Amino acid sequence: DVQLQASGGGLVQAGESLRLSCALFGYTFDGFDIGWFRQAPGKEREGLAYKRSSDGKIYTRQSVKGRFTISTDNAENTVYLQLSNLKPEDTAAYYCAVRFGDTPFKYYSSSLLDPEEYEYWGQGTLVTVSS
């Protein structure tokens, strides 16, 4: 059974940093596409970054590129999202998710930033950024 546990959220001031962690239980990350997402109150869940299983490619959404960095530690079976220079508009619940890398996309136009393409989700960790 694939289980993900996210942690690391908290209340910070604008300009500060946080590192979110997501531990995978039951499997190793081999063969999984890994994504980080967030959902602000009243808004849709949006993809922030992913690591593709087939070739290890890392992609970060342009709007957070340079401030958010995804990384993995295979020894710890953990994926991280480093959040830097946080802004009040980054306030949201942050989620990690994985999907088996050989799962076909549901839609022709899908990408690994699309939350509907992921099968397994962590419980979310709340990040609040004060101005």
Protein backbone atom coordinates (compact mmCIF):
# COMPACT_ATOMS: atom_id res chain seq x y z
CA ASP A 1 0.00 0.00 0.00
CA VAL A 2 1.45 3.36 -1.05
CA GLN A 3 1.46 5.87 1.78
CA LEU A 4 2.84 9.39 1.81
CA GLN A 5 3.37 11.57 4.84
CA ALA A 6 4.08 15.26 4.40
CA SER A 7 5.50 17.57 7.02
CA GLY A 8 7.40 20.79 7.46
CA GLY A 9 4.73 23.43 7.08
CA GLY A 10 4.34 26.31 9.46
CA LEU A 11 3.90 30.02 9.98
CA VAL A 12 6.69 32.18 8.62
CA GLN A 13 7.24 35.79 7.67
CA ALA A 14 7.63 37.00 4.13
CA GLY A 15 11.13 36.43 2.83
CA GLU A 16 11.78 33.41 5.01
CA SER A 17 12.25 29.80 3.92
CA LEU A 18 10.80 26.39 4.71
CA ARG A 19 11.65 22.88 3.67
CA LEU A 20 8.73 20.54 3.20
CA SER A 21 9.29 16.81 3.44
CA CYS A 22 7.29 13.92 2.09
CA ALA A 23 8.16 10.39 3.15
CA LEU A 24 7.07 7.40 1.10
CA PHE A 25 6.12 4.19 2.89
CA GLY A 26 5.65 0.79 1.36
CA TYR A 27 7.74 1.44 -1.74
CA THR A 28 10.86 3.21 -2.88
CA PHE A 29 10.61 6.13 -5.28
CA ASP A 30 11.97 4.01 -8.14
CA GLY A 31 9.41 3.95 -10.91
CA PHE A 32 7.27 6.74 -9.46
CA ASP A 33 6.66 10.19 -10.87
CA ILE A 34 6.70 12.60 -7.95
CA GLY A 35 4.88 15.90 -7.71
CA TRP A 36 4.37 18.77 -5.30
CA PHE A 37 1.15 20.75 -5.36
CA ARG A 38 -0.57 23.44 -3.38
CA GLN A 39 -4.09 24.60 -2.83
CA ALA A 40 -4.95 28.00 -1.48
CA PRO A 41 -8.38 28.69 0.05
CA GLY A 42 -10.97 29.06 -2.67
CA LYS A 43 -8.56 28.10 -5.42
CA GLU A 44 -7.89 24.99 -7.43
CA ARG A 45 -4.98 22.73 -6.64
CA GLU A 46 -1.97 23.64 -8.76
CA GLY A 47 1.15 21.73 -9.63
CA LEU A 48 4.43 23.28 -8.53
CA ALA A 49 7.17 20.85 -9.48
CA TYR A 50 7.76 17.27 -10.45
CA LYS A 51 10.46 14.68 -10.90
CA ARG A 52 9.84 12.26 -13.73
CA SER A 53 10.70 8.63 -13.12
CA SER A 54 11.69 7.73 -16.67
CA ASP A 55 14.70 10.02 -16.88
CA GLY A 56 14.90 11.92 -13.61
CA LYS A 57 13.85 15.17 -15.25
CA ILE A 58 12.92 17.89 -12.81
CA TYR A 59 10.51 20.63 -13.79
CA THR A 60 9.34 23.62 -11.79
CA ARG A 61 6.39 25.83 -12.60
CA GLN A 62 7.62 29.11 -14.01
CA SER A 63 5.78 31.23 -11.43
CA VAL A 64 7.82 29.71 -8.57
CA LYS A 65 11.00 28.81 -10.40
CA GLY A 66 14.04 30.13 -8.60
CA ARG A 67 12.23 30.09 -5.25
CA PHE A 68 10.96 26.48 -5.01
CA THR A 69 13.18 23.44 -5.52
CA ILE A 70 12.21 19.77 -5.56
CA SER A 71 14.74 17.15 -4.55
CA THR A 72 14.82 13.55 -3.41
CA ASP A 73 16.85 11.58 -0.90
CA ASN A 74 16.66 7.93 -1.87
CA ALA A 75 18.40 6.81 1.30
CA GLU A 76 15.68 8.48 3.36
CA ASN A 77 12.92 7.63 0.86
CA THR A 78 11.88 11.24 1.10
CA VAL A 79 11.13 14.00 -1.38
CA TYR A 80 11.62 17.62 -0.40
CA LEU A 81 10.32 20.95 -1.56
CA GLN A 82 12.55 23.83 -0.55
CA LEU A 83 10.57 27.05 -0.36
CA SER A 84 12.62 30.24 -0.38
CA ASN A 85 11.81 33.94 -0.29
CA LEU A 86 8.24 33.11 0.67
CA LYS A 87 5.47 35.56 -0.10
CA PRO A 88 2.01 35.95 1.46
CA GLU A 89 0.49 34.61 -1.75
CA ASP A 90 2.34 31.33 -1.15
CA THR A 91 -0.03 30.65 1.76
CA ALA A 92 -1.67 27.32 1.01
CA ALA A 93 -1.88 23.66 1.90
CA TYR A 94 0.99 21.86 0.20
CA TYR A 95 0.69 18.28 -0.98
CA CYS A 96 3.03 15.66 -2.32
CA ALA A 97 1.80 12.99 -4.68
CA VAL A 98 3.12 10.06 -6.69
CA ARG A 99 1.96 8.03 -9.65
CA PHE A 100 3.43 4.94 -11.24
CA GLY A 101 5.62 6.22 -14.06
CA ASP A 102 4.24 3.78 -16.60
CA THR A 103 0.62 4.85 -16.07
CA PRO A 104 -0.78 6.45 -19.24
CA PHE A 105 -2.05 9.98 -18.92
CA LYS A 106 -5.80 10.34 -18.71
CA TYR A 107 -5.87 13.15 -21.23
CA TYR A 108 -3.86 13.94 -24.34
CA SER A 109 -2.90 17.37 -23.04
CA SER A 110 -1.95 16.25 -19.53
CA SER A 111 1.36 16.88 -17.87
CA LEU A 112 2.94 15.91 -14.59
CA LEU A 113 1.79 19.24 -13.17
CA ASP A 114 -1.82 18.13 -13.44
CA PRO A 115 -3.13 16.86 -10.09
CA GLU A 116 -5.72 14.58 -11.68
CA GLU A 117 -2.92 12.44 -13.09
CA TYR A 118 -1.71 11.40 -9.64
CA GLU A 119 -2.99 8.38 -7.77
CA TYR A 120 -1.50 8.67 -4.29
CA TRP A 121 -1.49 11.75 -2.09
CA GLY A 122 -0.03 12.83 1.19
CA GLN A 123 -2.24 14.53 3.73
CA GLY A 124 -1.03 18.05 3.08
CA THR A 125 0.96 20.44 5.20
CA LEU A 126 -0.09 24.03 5.77
CA VAL A 127 2.19 26.94 4.95
CA THR A 128 1.17 30.38 6.16
CA VAL A 129 3.22 33.40 5.17
CA SER A 130 2.63 36.66 6.99
CA SER A 131 3.50 40.03 5.53
